[in-house]
Amino acid sequence: IAQGIEMGRPSLLEVEADKRGGVI
């Protein structure tokens, strides 16, 4: 996720989600 670009403070967030049997 790129965020903060419009504010002049570019940020990068890395997100992970595990799923088992279709459930988070």
PDBML (XML) file of the C-alpha atoms, coordinates in Angstrom:
<?xml version="1.0" encoding="UTF-8" ?>
<PDBx:datablock datablockName="MODEL"
   xmlns:PDBx="http://pdbml.pdb.org/schema/pdbx-v50.xsd"
   xmlns:xsi="http://www.w3.org/2001/XMLSchema-instance"
   xsi:schemaLocation="http://pdbml.pdb.org/schema/pdbx-v50.xsd pdbx-v50.xsd">
   <PDBx:atom_siteCategory>
      <PDBx:atom_site id="1">
         <PDBx:B_iso_or_equiv>0.00</PDBx:B_iso_or_equiv>
         <PDBx:Cartn_x>0.000</PDBx:Cartn_x>
         <PDBx:Cartn_y>0.000</PDBx:Cartn_y>
         <PDBx:Cartn_z>0.000</PDBx:Cartn_z>
         <PDBx:auth_asym_id>A</PDBx:auth_asym_id>
         <PDBx:auth_atom_id>CA</PDBx:auth_atom_id>
         <PDBx:auth_comp_id>ILE</PDBx:auth_comp_id>
         <PDBx:auth_seq_id>1</PDBx:auth_seq_id>
         <PDBx:group_PDB>ATOM</PDBx:group_PDB>
         <PDBx:label_alt_id xsi:nil="true" />
         <PDBx:label_asym_id>A</PDBx:label_asym_id>
         <PDBx:label_atom_id>CA</PDBx:label_atom_id>
         <PDBx:label_comp_id>ILE</PDBx:label_comp_id>
         <PDBx:label_entity_id>1</PDBx:label_entity_id>
         <PDBx:label_seq_id>1</PDBx:label_seq_id>
         <PDBx:occupancy>1.00</PDBx:occupancy>
         <PDBx:pdbx_PDB_model_num>1</PDBx:pdbx_PDB_model_num>
         <PDBx:type_symbol>C</PDBx:type_symbol>
      </PDBx:atom_site>
      <PDBx:atom_site id="2">
         <PDBx:B_iso_or_equiv>0.00</PDBx:B_iso_or_equiv>
         <PDBx:Cartn_x>1.416</PDBx:Cartn_x>
         <PDBx:Cartn_y>3.357</PDBx:Cartn_y>
         <PDBx:Cartn_z>-1.094</PDBx:Cartn_z>
         <PDBx:auth_asym_id>A</PDBx:auth_asym_id>
         <PDBx:auth_atom_id>CA</PDBx:auth_atom_id>
         <PDBx:auth_comp_id>ALA</PDBx:auth_comp_id>
         <PDBx:auth_seq_id>2</PDBx:auth_seq_id>
         <PDBx:group_PDB>ATOM</PDBx:group_PDB>
         <PDBx:label_alt_id xsi:nil="true" />
         <PDBx:label_asym_id>A</PDBx:label_asym_id>
         <PDBx:label_atom_id>CA</PDBx:label_atom_id>
         <PDBx:label_comp_id>ALA</PDBx:label_comp_id>
         <PDBx:label_entity_id>1</PDBx:label_entity_id>
         <PDBx:label_seq_id>2</PDBx:label_seq_id>
         <PDBx:occupancy>1.00</PDBx:occupancy>
         <PDBx:pdbx_PDB_model_num>1</PDBx:pdbx_PDB_model_num>
         <PDBx:type_symbol>C</PDBx:type_symbol>
      </PDBx:atom_site>
      <PDBx:atom_site id="3">
         <PDBx:B_iso_or_equiv>0.00</PDBx:B_iso_or_equiv>
         <PDBx:Cartn_x>0.058</PDBx:Cartn_x>
         <PDBx:Cartn_y>6.138</PDBx:Cartn_y>
         <PDBx:Cartn_z>1.124</PDBx:Cartn_z>
         <PDBx:auth_asym_id>A</PDBx:auth_asym_id>
         <PDBx:auth_atom_id>CA</PDBx:auth_atom_id>
         <PDBx:auth_comp_id>GLN</PDBx:auth_comp_id>
         <PDBx:auth_seq_id>3</PDBx:auth_seq_id>
         <PDBx:group_PDB>ATOM</PDBx:group_PDB>
         <PDBx:label_alt_id xsi:nil="true" />
         <PDBx:label_asym_id>A</PDBx:label_asym_id>
         <PDBx:label_atom_id>CA</PDBx:label_atom_id>
         <PDBx:label_comp_id>GLN</PDBx:label_comp_id>
         <PDBx:label_entity_id>1</PDBx:label_entity_id>
         <PDBx:label_seq_id>3</PDBx:label_seq_id>
         <PDBx:occupancy>1.00</PDBx:occupancy>
         <PDBx:pdbx_PDB_model_num>1</PDBx:pdbx_PDB_model_num>
         <PDBx:type_symbol>C</PDBx:type_symbol>
      </PDBx:atom_site>
      <PDBx:atom_site id="4">
         <PDBx:B_iso_or_equiv>0.00</PDBx:B_iso_or_equiv>
         <PDBx:Cartn_x>0.978</PDBx:Cartn_x>
         <PDBx:Cartn_y>9.732</PDBx:Cartn_y>
         <PDBx:Cartn_z>2.005</PDBx:Cartn_z>
         <PDBx:auth_asym_id>A</PDBx:auth_asym_id>
         <PDBx:auth_atom_id>CA</PDBx:auth_atom_id>
         <PDBx:auth_comp_id>GLY</PDBx:auth_comp_id>
         <PDBx:auth_seq_id>4</PDBx:auth_seq_id>
         <PDBx:group_PDB>ATOM</PDBx:group_PDB>
         <PDBx:label_alt_id xsi:nil="true" />
         <PDBx:label_asym_id>A</PDBx:label_asym_id>
         <PDBx:label_atom_id>CA</PDBx:label_atom_id>
         <PDBx:label_comp_id>GLY</PDBx:label_comp_id>
         <PDBx:label_entity_id>1</PDBx:label_entity_id>
         <PDBx:label_seq_id>4</PDBx:label_seq_id>
         <PDBx:occupancy>1.00</PDBx:occupancy>
         <PDBx:pdbx_PDB_model_num>1</PDBx:pdbx_PDB_model_num>
         <PDBx:type_symbol>C</PDBx:type_symbol>
      </PDBx:atom_site>
      <PDBx:atom_site id="5">
         <PDBx:B_iso_or_equiv>0.00</PDBx:B_iso_or_equiv>
         <PDBx:Cartn_x>1.901</PDBx:Cartn_x>
         <PDBx:Cartn_y>10.665</PDBx:Cartn_y>
         <PDBx:Cartn_z>-1.567</PDBx:Cartn_z>
         <PDBx:auth_asym_id>A</PDBx:auth_asym_id>
         <PDBx:auth_atom_id>CA</PDBx:auth_atom_id>
         <PDBx:auth_comp_id>ILE</PDBx:auth_comp_id>
         <PDBx:auth_seq_id>5</PDBx:auth_seq_id>
         <PDBx:group_PDB>ATOM</PDBx:group_PDB>
         <PDBx:label_alt_id xsi:nil="true" />
         <PDBx:label_asym_id>A</PDBx:label_asym_id>
         <PDBx:label_atom_id>CA</PDBx:label_atom_id>
         <PDBx:label_comp_id>ILE</PDBx:label_comp_id>
         <PDBx:label_entity_id>1</PDBx:label_entity_id>
         <PDBx:label_seq_id>5</PDBx:label_seq_id>
         <PDBx:occupancy>1.00</PDBx:occupancy>
         <PDBx:pdbx_PDB_model_num>1</PDBx:pdbx_PDB_model_num>
         <PDBx:type_symbol>C</PDBx:type_symbol>
      </PDBx:atom_site>
      <PDBx:atom_site id="6">
         <PDBx:B_iso_or_equiv>0.00</PDBx:B_iso_or_equiv>
         <PDBx:Cartn_x>-0.467</PDBx:Cartn_x>
         <PDBx:Cartn_y>13.642</PDBx:Cartn_y>
         <PDBx:Cartn_z>-1.734</PDBx:Cartn_z>
         <PDBx:auth_asym_id>A</PDBx:auth_asym_id>
         <PDBx:auth_atom_id>CA</PDBx:auth_atom_id>
         <PDBx:auth_comp_id>GLU</PDBx:auth_comp_id>
         <PDBx:auth_seq_id>6</PDBx:auth_seq_id>
         <PDBx:group_PDB>ATOM</PDBx:group_PDB>
         <PDBx:label_alt_id xsi:nil="true" />
         <PDBx:label_asym_id>A</PDBx:label_asym_id>
         <PDBx:label_atom_id>CA</PDBx:label_atom_id>
         <PDBx:label_comp_id>GLU</PDBx:label_comp_id>
         <PDBx:label_entity_id>1</PDBx:label_entity_id>
         <PDBx:label_seq_id>6</PDBx:label_seq_id>
         <PDBx:occupancy>1.00</PDBx:occupancy>
         <PDBx:pdbx_PDB_model_num>1</PDBx:pdbx_PDB_model_num>
         <PDBx:type_symbol>C</PDBx:type_symbol>
      </PDBx:atom_site>
      <PDBx:atom_site id="7">
         <PDBx:B_iso_or_equiv>0.00</PDBx:B_iso_or_equiv>
         <PDBx:Cartn_x>0.897</PDBx:Cartn_x>
         <PDBx:Cartn_y>14.908</PDBx:Cartn_y>
         <PDBx:Cartn_z>1.591</PDBx:Cartn_z>
         <PDBx:auth_asym_id>A</PDBx:auth_asym_id>
         <PDBx:auth_atom_id>CA</PDBx:auth_atom_id>
         <PDBx:auth_comp_id>MET</PDBx:auth_comp_id>
         <PDBx:auth_seq_id>7</PDBx:auth_seq_id>
         <PDBx:group_PDB>ATOM</PDBx:group_PDB>
         <PDBx:label_alt_id xsi:nil="true" />
         <PDBx:label_asym_id>A</PDBx:label_asym_id>
         <PDBx:label_atom_id>CA</PDBx:label_atom_id>
         <PDBx:label_comp_id>MET</PDBx:label_comp_id>
         <PDBx:label_entity_id>1</PDBx:label_entity_id>
         <PDBx:label_seq_id>7</PDBx:label_seq_id>
         <PDBx:occupancy>1.00</PDBx:occupancy>
         <PDBx:pdbx_PDB_model_num>1</PDBx:pdbx_PDB_model_num>
         <PDBx:type_symbol>C</PDBx:type_symbol>
      </PDBx:atom_site>
      <PDBx:atom_site id="8">
         <PDBx:B_iso_or_equiv>0.00</PDBx:B_iso_or_equiv>
         <PDBx:Cartn_x>4.506</PDBx:Cartn_x>
         <PDBx:Cartn_y>14.853</PDBx:Cartn_y>
         <PDBx:Cartn_z>0.438</PDBx:Cartn_z>
         <PDBx:auth_asym_id>A</PDBx:auth_asym_id>
         <PDBx:auth_atom_id>CA</PDBx:auth_atom_id>
         <PDBx:auth_comp_id>GLY</PDBx:auth_comp_id>
         <PDBx:auth_seq_id>8</PDBx:auth_seq_id>
         <PDBx:group_PDB>ATOM</PDBx:group_PDB>
         <PDBx:label_alt_id xsi:nil="true" />
         <PDBx:label_asym_id>A</PDBx:label_asym_id>
         <PDBx:label_atom_id>CA</PDBx:label_atom_id>
         <PDBx:label_comp_id>GLY</PDBx:label_comp_id>
         <PDBx:label_entity_id>1</PDBx:label_entity_id>
         <PDBx:label_seq_id>8</PDBx:label_seq_id>
         <PDBx:occupancy>1.00</PDBx:occupancy>
         <PDBx:pdbx_PDB_model_num>1</PDBx:pdbx_PDB_model_num>
         <PDBx:type_symbol>C</PDBx:type_symbol>
      </PDBx:atom_site>
      <PDBx:atom_site id="9">
         <PDBx:B_iso_or_equiv>0.00</PDBx:B_iso_or_equiv>
         <PDBx:Cartn_x>5.295</PDBx:Cartn_x>
         <PDBx:Cartn_y>12.018</PDBx:Cartn_y>
         <PDBx:Cartn_z>2.889</PDBx:Cartn_z>
         <PDBx:auth_asym_id>A</PDBx:auth_asym_id>
         <PDBx:auth_atom_id>CA</PDBx:auth_atom_id>
         <PDBx:auth_comp_id>ARG</PDBx:auth_comp_id>
         <PDBx:auth_seq_id>9</PDBx:auth_seq_id>
         <PDBx:group_PDB>ATOM</PDBx:group_PDB>
         <PDBx:label_alt_id xsi:nil="true" />
         <PDBx:label_asym_id>A</PDBx:label_asym_id>
         <PDBx:label_atom_id>CA</PDBx:label_atom_id>
         <PDBx:label_comp_id>ARG</PDBx:label_comp_id>
         <PDBx:label_entity_id>1</PDBx:label_entity_id>
         <PDBx:label_seq_id>9</PDBx:label_seq_id>
         <PDBx:occupancy>1.00</PDBx:occupancy>
         <PDBx:pdbx_PDB_model_num>1</PDBx:pdbx_PDB_model_num>
         <PDBx:type_symbol>C</PDBx:type_symbol>
      </PDBx:atom_site>
      <PDBx:atom_site id="10">
         <PDBx:B_iso_or_equiv>0.00</PDBx:B_iso_or_equiv>
         <PDBx:Cartn_x>5.391</PDBx:Cartn_x>
         <PDBx:Cartn_y>8.884</PDBx:Cartn_y>
         <PDBx:Cartn_z>0.726</PDBx:Cartn_z>
         <PDBx:auth_asym_id>A</PDBx:auth_asym_id>
         <PDBx:auth_atom_id>CA</PDBx:auth_atom_id>
         <PDBx:auth_comp_id>PRO</PDBx:auth_comp_id>
         <PDBx:auth_seq_id>10</PDBx:auth_seq_id>
         <PDBx:group_PDB>ATOM</PDBx:group_PDB>
         <PDBx:label_alt_id xsi:nil="true" />
         <PDBx:label_asym_id>A</PDBx:label_asym_id>
         <PDBx:label_atom_id>CA</PDBx:label_atom_id>
         <PDBx:label_comp_id>PRO</PDBx:label_comp_id>
         <PDBx:label_entity_id>1</PDBx:label_entity_id>
         <PDBx:label_seq_id>10</PDBx:label_seq_id>
         <PDBx:occupancy>1.00</PDBx:occupancy>
         <PDBx:pdbx_PDB_model_num>1</PDBx:pdbx_PDB_model_num>
         <PDBx:type_symbol>C</PDBx:type_symbol>
      </PDBx:atom_site>
      <PDBx:atom_site id="11">
         <PDBx:B_iso_or_equiv>0.00</PDBx:B_iso_or_equiv>
         <PDBx:Cartn_x>4.910</PDBx:Cartn_x>
         <PDBx:Cartn_y>5.706</PDBx:Cartn_y>
         <PDBx:Cartn_z>2.724</PDBx:Cartn_z>
         <PDBx:auth_asym_id>A</PDBx:auth_asym_id>
         <PDBx:auth_atom_id>CA</PDBx:auth_atom_id>
         <PDBx:auth_comp_id>SER</PDBx:auth_comp_id>
         <PDBx:auth_seq_id>11</PDBx:auth_seq_id>
         <PDBx:group_PDB>ATOM</PDBx:group_PDB>
         <PDBx:label_alt_id xsi:nil="true" />
         <PDBx:label_asym_id>A</PDBx:label_asym_id>
         <PDBx:label_atom_id>CA</PDBx:label_atom_id>
         <PDBx:label_comp_id>SER</PDBx:label_comp_id>
         <PDBx:label_entity_id>1</PDBx:label_entity_id>
         <PDBx:label_seq_id>11</PDBx:label_seq_id>
         <PDBx:occupancy>1.00</PDBx:occupancy>
         <PDBx:pdbx_PDB_model_num>1</PDBx:pdbx_PDB_model_num>
         <PDBx:type_symbol>C</PDBx:type_symbol>
      </PDBx:atom_site>
      <PDBx:atom_site id="12">
         <PDBx:B_iso_or_equiv>0.00</PDBx:B_iso_or_equiv>
         <PDBx:Cartn_x>4.905</PDBx:Cartn_x>
         <PDBx:Cartn_y>1.997</PDBx:Cartn_y>
         <PDBx:Cartn_z>1.949</PDBx:Cartn_z>
         <PDBx:auth_asym_id>A</PDBx:auth_asym_id>
         <PDBx:auth_atom_id>CA</PDBx:auth_atom_id>
         <PDBx:auth_comp_id>LEU</PDBx:auth_comp_id>
         <PDBx:auth_seq_id>12</PDBx:auth_seq_id>
         <PDBx:group_PDB>ATOM</PDBx:group_PDB>
         <PDBx:label_alt_id xsi:nil="true" />
         <PDBx:label_asym_id>A</PDBx:label_asym_id>
         <PDBx:label_atom_id>CA</PDBx:label_atom_id>
         <PDBx:label_comp_id>LEU</PDBx:label_comp_id>
         <PDBx:label_entity_id>1</PDBx:label_entity_id>
         <PDBx:label_seq_id>12</PDBx:label_seq_id>
         <PDBx:occupancy>1.00</PDBx:occupancy>
         <PDBx:pdbx_PDB_model_num>1</PDBx:pdbx_PDB_model_num>
         <PDBx:type_symbol>C</PDBx:type_symbol>
      </PDBx:atom_site>
      <PDBx:atom_site id="13">
         <PDBx:B_iso_or_equiv>0.00</PDBx:B_iso_or_equiv>
         <PDBx:Cartn_x>3.016</PDBx:Cartn_x>
         <PDBx:Cartn_y>-0.558</PDBx:Cartn_y>
         <PDBx:Cartn_z>4.045</PDBx:Cartn_z>
         <PDBx:auth_asym_id>A</PDBx:auth_asym_id>
         <PDBx:auth_atom_id>CA</PDBx:auth_atom_id>
         <PDBx:auth_comp_id>LEU</PDBx:auth_comp_id>
         <PDBx:auth_seq_id>13</PDBx:auth_seq_id>
         <PDBx:group_PDB>ATOM</PDBx:group_PDB>
         <PDBx:label_alt_id xsi:nil="true" />
         <PDBx:label_asym_id>A</PDBx:label_asym_id>
         <PDBx:label_atom_id>CA</PDBx:label_atom_id>
         <PDBx:label_comp_id>LEU</PDBx:label_comp_id>
         <PDBx:label_entity_id>1</PDBx:label_entity_id>
         <PDBx:label_seq_id>13</PDBx:label_seq_id>
         <PDBx:occupancy>1.00</PDBx:occupancy>
         <PDBx:pdbx_PDB_model_num>1</PDBx:pdbx_PDB_model_num>
         <PDBx:type_symbol>C</PDBx:type_symbol>
      </PDBx:atom_site>
      <PDBx:atom_site id="14">
         <PDBx:B_iso_or_equiv>0.00</PDBx:B_iso_or_equiv>
         <PDBx:Cartn_x>3.326</PDBx:Cartn_x>
         <PDBx:Cartn_y>-4.303</PDBx:Cartn_y>
         <PDBx:Cartn_z>3.465</PDBx:Cartn_z>
         <PDBx:auth_asym_id>A</PDBx:auth_asym_id>
         <PDBx:auth_atom_id>CA</PDBx:auth_atom_id>
         <PDBx:auth_comp_id>GLU</PDBx:auth_comp_id>
         <PDBx:auth_seq_id>14</PDBx:auth_seq_id>
         <PDBx:group_PDB>ATOM</PDBx:group_PDB>
         <PDBx:label_alt_id xsi:nil="true" />
         <PDBx:label_asym_id>A</PDBx:label_asym_id>
         <PDBx:label_atom_id>CA</PDBx:label_atom_id>
         <PDBx:label_comp_id>GLU</PDBx:label_comp_id>
         <PDBx:label_entity_id>1</PDBx:label_entity_id>
         <PDBx:label_seq_id>14</PDBx:label_seq_id>
         <PDBx:occupancy>1.00</PDBx:occupancy>
         <PDBx:pdbx_PDB_model_num>1</PDBx:pdbx_PDB_model_num>
         <PDBx:type_symbol>C</PDBx:type_symbol>
      </PDBx:atom_site>
      <PDBx:atom_site id="15">
         <PDBx:B_iso_or_equiv>0.00</PDBx:B_iso_or_equiv>
         <PDBx:Cartn_x>0.253</PDBx:Cartn_x>
         <PDBx:Cartn_y>-6.376</PDBx:Cartn_y>
         <PDBx:Cartn_z>4.337</PDBx:Cartn_z>
         <PDBx:auth_asym_id>A</PDBx:auth_asym_id>
         <PDBx:auth_atom_id>CA</PDBx:auth_atom_id>
         <PDBx:auth_comp_id>VAL</PDBx:auth_comp_id>
         <PDBx:auth_seq_id>15</PDBx:auth_seq_id>
         <PDBx:group_PDB>ATOM</PDBx:group_PDB>
         <PDBx:label_alt_id xsi:nil="true" />
         <PDBx:label_asym_id>A</PDBx:label_asym_id>
         <PDBx:label_atom_id>CA</PDBx:label_atom_id>
         <PDBx:label_comp_id>VAL</PDBx:label_comp_id>
         <PDBx:label_entity_id>1</PDBx:label_entity_id>
         <PDBx:label_seq_id>15</PDBx:label_seq_id>
         <PDBx:occupancy>1.00</PDBx:occupancy>
         <PDBx:pdbx_PDB_model_num>1</PDBx:pdbx_PDB_model_num>
         <PDBx:type_symbol>C</PDBx:type_symbol>
      </PDBx:atom_site>
      <PDBx:atom_site id="16">
         <PDBx:B_iso_or_equiv>0.00</PDBx:B_iso_or_equiv>
         <PDBx:Cartn_x>-0.162</PDBx:Cartn_x>
         <PDBx:Cartn_y>-10.140</PDBx:Cartn_y>
         <PDBx:Cartn_z>4.629</PDBx:Cartn_z>
         <PDBx:auth_asym_id>A</PDBx:auth_asym_id>
         <PDBx:auth_atom_id>CA</PDBx:auth_atom_id>
         <PDBx:auth_comp_id>GLU</PDBx:auth_comp_id>
         <PDBx:auth_seq_id>16</PDBx:auth_seq_id>
         <PDBx:group_PDB>ATOM</PDBx:group_PDB>
         <PDBx:label_alt_id xsi:nil="true" />
         <PDBx:label_asym_id>A</PDBx:label_asym_id>
         <PDBx:label_atom_id>CA</PDBx:label_atom_id>
         <PDBx:label_comp_id>GLU</PDBx:label_comp_id>
         <PDBx:label_entity_id>1</PDBx:label_entity_id>
         <PDBx:label_seq_id>16</PDBx:label_seq_id>
         <PDBx:occupancy>1.00</PDBx:occupancy>
         <PDBx:pdbx_PDB_model_num>1</PDBx:pdbx_PDB_model_num>
         <PDBx:type_symbol>C</PDBx:type_symbol>
      </PDBx:atom_site>
      <PDBx:atom_site id="17">
         <PDBx:B_iso_or_equiv>0.00</PDBx:B_iso_or_equiv>
         <PDBx:Cartn_x>-3.254</PDBx:Cartn_x>
         <PDBx:Cartn_y>-12.243</PDBx:Cartn_y>
         <PDBx:Cartn_z>5.334</PDBx:Cartn_z>
         <PDBx:auth_asym_id>A</PDBx:auth_asym_id>
         <PDBx:auth_atom_id>CA</PDBx:auth_atom_id>
         <PDBx:auth_comp_id>ALA</PDBx:auth_comp_id>
         <PDBx:auth_seq_id>17</PDBx:auth_seq_id>
         <PDBx:group_PDB>ATOM</PDBx:group_PDB>
         <PDBx:label_alt_id xsi:nil="true" />
         <PDBx:label_asym_id>A</PDBx:label_asym_id>
         <PDBx:label_atom_id>CA</PDBx:label_atom_id>
         <PDBx:label_comp_id>ALA</PDBx:label_comp_id>
         <PDBx:label_entity_id>1</PDBx:label_entity_id>
         <PDBx:label_seq_id>17</PDBx:label_seq_id>
         <PDBx:occupancy>1.00</PDBx:occupancy>
         <PDBx:pdbx_PDB_model_num>1</PDBx:pdbx_PDB_model_num>
         <PDBx:type_symbol>C</PDBx:type_symbol>
      </PDBx:atom_site>
      <PDBx:atom_site id="18">
         <PDBx:B_iso_or_equiv>0.00</PDBx:B_iso_or_equiv>
         <PDBx:Cartn_x>-3.332</PDBx:Cartn_x>
         <PDBx:Cartn_y>-15.973</PDBx:Cartn_y>
         <PDBx:Cartn_z>6.065</PDBx:Cartn_z>
         <PDBx:auth_asym_id>A</PDBx:auth_asym_id>
         <PDBx:auth_atom_id>CA</PDBx:auth_atom_id>
         <PDBx:auth_comp_id>ASP</PDBx:auth_comp_id>
         <PDBx:auth_seq_id>18</PDBx:auth_seq_id>
         <PDBx:group_PDB>ATOM</PDBx:group_PDB>
         <PDBx:label_alt_id xsi:nil="true" />
         <PDBx:label_asym_id>A</PDBx:label_asym_id>
         <PDBx:label_atom_id>CA</PDBx:label_atom_id>
         <PDBx:label_comp_id>ASP</PDBx:label_comp_id>
         <PDBx:label_entity_id>1</PDBx:label_entity_id>
         <PDBx:label_seq_id>18</PDBx:label_seq_id>
         <PDBx:occupancy>1.00</PDBx:occupancy>
         <PDBx:pdbx_PDB_model_num>1</PDBx:pdbx_PDB_model_num>
         <PDBx:type_symbol>C</PDBx:type_symbol>
      </PDBx:atom_site>
      <PDBx:atom_site id="19">
         <PDBx:B_iso_or_equiv>0.00</PDBx:B_iso_or_equiv>
         <PDBx:Cartn_x>-6.339</PDBx:Cartn_x>
         <PDBx:Cartn_y>-18.059</PDBx:Cartn_y>
         <PDBx:Cartn_z>5.021</PDBx:Cartn_z>
         <PDBx:auth_asym_id>A</PDBx:auth_asym_id>
         <PDBx:auth_atom_id>CA</PDBx:auth_atom_id>
         <PDBx:auth_comp_id>LYS</PDBx:auth_comp_id>
         <PDBx:auth_seq_id>19</PDBx:auth_seq_id>
         <PDBx:group_PDB>ATOM</PDBx:group_PDB>
         <PDBx:label_alt_id xsi:nil="true" />
         <PDBx:label_asym_id>A</PDBx:label_asym_id>
         <PDBx:label_atom_id>CA</PDBx:label_atom_id>
         <PDBx:label_comp_id>LYS</PDBx:label_comp_id>
         <PDBx:label_entity_id>1</PDBx:label_entity_id>
         <PDBx:label_seq_id>19</PDBx:label_seq_id>
         <PDBx:occupancy>1.00</PDBx:occupancy>
         <PDBx:pdbx_PDB_model_num>1</PDBx:pdbx_PDB_model_num>
         <PDBx:type_symbol>C</PDBx:type_symbol>
      </PDBx:atom_site>
      <PDBx:atom_site id="20">
         <PDBx:B_iso_or_equiv>0.00</PDBx:B_iso_or_equiv>
         <PDBx:Cartn_x>-7.136</PDBx:Cartn_x>
         <PDBx:Cartn_y>-21.600</PDBx:Cartn_y>
         <PDBx:Cartn_z>6.091</PDBx:Cartn_z>
         <PDBx:auth_asym_id>A</PDBx:auth_asym_id>
         <PDBx:auth_atom_id>CA</PDBx:auth_atom_id>
         <PDBx:auth_comp_id>ARG</PDBx:auth_comp_id>
         <PDBx:auth_seq_id>20</PDBx:auth_seq_id>
         <PDBx:group_PDB>ATOM</PDBx:group_PDB>
         <PDBx:label_alt_id xsi:nil="true" />
         <PDBx:label_asym_id>A</PDBx:label_asym_id>
         <PDBx:label_atom_id>CA</PDBx:label_atom_id>
         <PDBx:label_comp_id>ARG</PDBx:label_comp_id>
         <PDBx:label_entity_id>1</PDBx:label_entity_id>
         <PDBx:label_seq_id>20</PDBx:label_seq_id>
         <PDBx:occupancy>1.00</PDBx:occupancy>
         <PDBx:pdbx_PDB_model_num>1</PDBx:pdbx_PDB_model_num>
         <PDBx:type_symbol>C</PDBx:type_symbol>
      </PDBx:atom_site>
      <PDBx:atom_site id="21">
         <PDBx:B_iso_or_equiv>0.00</PDBx:B_iso_or_equiv>
         <PDBx:Cartn_x>-10.214</PDBx:Cartn_x>
         <PDBx:Cartn_y>-23.333</PDBx:Cartn_y>
         <PDBx:Cartn_z>4.729</PDBx:Cartn_z>
         <PDBx:auth_asym_id>A</PDBx:auth_asym_id>
         <PDBx:auth_atom_id>CA</PDBx:auth_atom_id>
         <PDBx:auth_comp_id>GLY</PDBx:auth_comp_id>
         <PDBx:auth_seq_id>21</PDBx:auth_seq_id>
         <PDBx:group_PDB>ATOM</PDBx:group_PDB>
         <PDBx:label_alt_id xsi:nil="true" />
         <PDBx:label_asym_id>A</PDBx:label_asym_id>
         <PDBx:label_atom_id>CA</PDBx:label_atom_id>
         <PDBx:label_comp_id>GLY</PDBx:label_comp_id>
         <PDBx:label_entity_id>1</PDBx:label_entity_id>
         <PDBx:label_seq_id>21</PDBx:label_seq_id>
         <PDBx:occupancy>1.00</PDBx:occupancy>
         <PDBx:pdbx_PDB_model_num>1</PDBx:pdbx_PDB_model_num>
         <PDBx:type_symbol>C</PDBx:type_symbol>
      </PDBx:atom_site>
      <PDBx:atom_site id="22">
         <PDBx:B_iso_or_equiv>0.00</PDBx:B_iso_or_equiv>
         <PDBx:Cartn_x>-11.360</PDBx:Cartn_x>
         <PDBx:Cartn_y>-20.029</PDBx:Cartn_y>
         <PDBx:Cartn_z>3.257</PDBx:Cartn_z>
         <PDBx:auth_asym_id>A</PDBx:auth_asym_id>
         <PDBx:auth_atom_id>CA</PDBx:auth_atom_id>
         <PDBx:auth_comp_id>GLY</PDBx:auth_comp_id>
         <PDBx:auth_seq_id>22</PDBx:auth_seq_id>
         <PDBx:group_PDB>ATOM</PDBx:group_PDB>
         <PDBx:label_alt_id xsi:nil="true" />
         <PDBx:label_asym_id>A</PDBx:label_asym_id>
         <PDBx:label_atom_id>CA</PDBx:label_atom_id>
         <PDBx:label_comp_id>GLY</PDBx:label_comp_id>
         <PDBx:label_entity_id>1</PDBx:label_entity_id>
         <PDBx:label_seq_id>22</PDBx:label_seq_id>
         <PDBx:occupancy>1.00</PDBx:occupancy>
         <PDBx:pdbx_PDB_model_num>1</PDBx:pdbx_PDB_model_num>
         <PDBx:type_symbol>C</PDBx:type_symbol>
      </PDBx:atom_site>
      <PDBx:atom_site id="23">
         <PDBx:B_iso_or_equiv>0.00</PDBx:B_iso_or_equiv>
         <PDBx:Cartn_x>-11.238</PDBx:Cartn_x>
         <PDBx:Cartn_y>-18.337</PDBx:Cartn_y>
         <PDBx:Cartn_z>6.681</PDBx:Cartn_z>
         <PDBx:auth_asym_id>A</PDBx:auth_asym_id>
         <PDBx:auth_atom_id>CA</PDBx:auth_atom_id>
         <PDBx:auth_comp_id>VAL</PDBx:auth_comp_id>
         <PDBx:auth_seq_id>23</PDBx:auth_seq_id>
         <PDBx:group_PDB>ATOM</PDBx:group_PDB>
         <PDBx:label_alt_id xsi:nil="true" />
         <PDBx:label_asym_id>A</PDBx:label_asym_id>
         <PDBx:label_atom_id>CA</PDBx:label_atom_id>
         <PDBx:label_comp_id>VAL</PDBx:label_comp_id>
         <PDBx:label_entity_id>1</PDBx:label_entity_id>
         <PDBx:label_seq_id>23</PDBx:label_seq_id>
         <PDBx:occupancy>1.00</PDBx:occupancy>
         <PDBx:pdbx_PDB_model_num>1</PDBx:pdbx_PDB_model_num>
         <PDBx:type_symbol>C</PDBx:type_symbol>
      </PDBx:atom_site>
      <PDBx:atom_site id="24">
         <PDBx:B_iso_or_equiv>0.00</PDBx:B_iso_or_equiv>
         <PDBx:Cartn_x>-8.895</PDBx:Cartn_x>
         <PDBx:Cartn_y>-15.470</PDBx:Cartn_y>
         <PDBx:Cartn_z>7.568</PDBx:Cartn_z>
         <PDBx:auth_asym_id>A</PDBx:auth_asym_id>
         <PDBx:auth_atom_id>CA</PDBx:auth_atom_id>
         <PDBx:auth_comp_id>ILE</PDBx:auth_comp_id>
         <PDBx:auth_seq_id>24</PDBx:auth_seq_id>
         <PDBx:group_PDB>ATOM</PDBx:group_PDB>
         <PDBx:label_alt_id xsi:nil="true" />
         <PDBx:label_asym_id>A</PDBx:label_asym_id>
         <PDBx:label_atom_id>CA</PDBx:label_atom_id>
         <PDBx:label_comp_id>ILE</PDBx:label_comp_id>
         <PDBx:label_entity_id>1</PDBx:label_entity_id>
         <PDBx:label_seq_id>24</PDBx:label_seq_id>
         <PDBx:occupancy>1.00</PDBx:occupancy>
         <PDBx:pdbx_PDB_model_num>1</PDBx:pdbx_PDB_model_num>
         <PDBx:type_symbol>C</PDBx:type_symbol>
      </PDBx:atom_site>
   </PDBx:atom_siteCategory>
</PDBx:datablock>
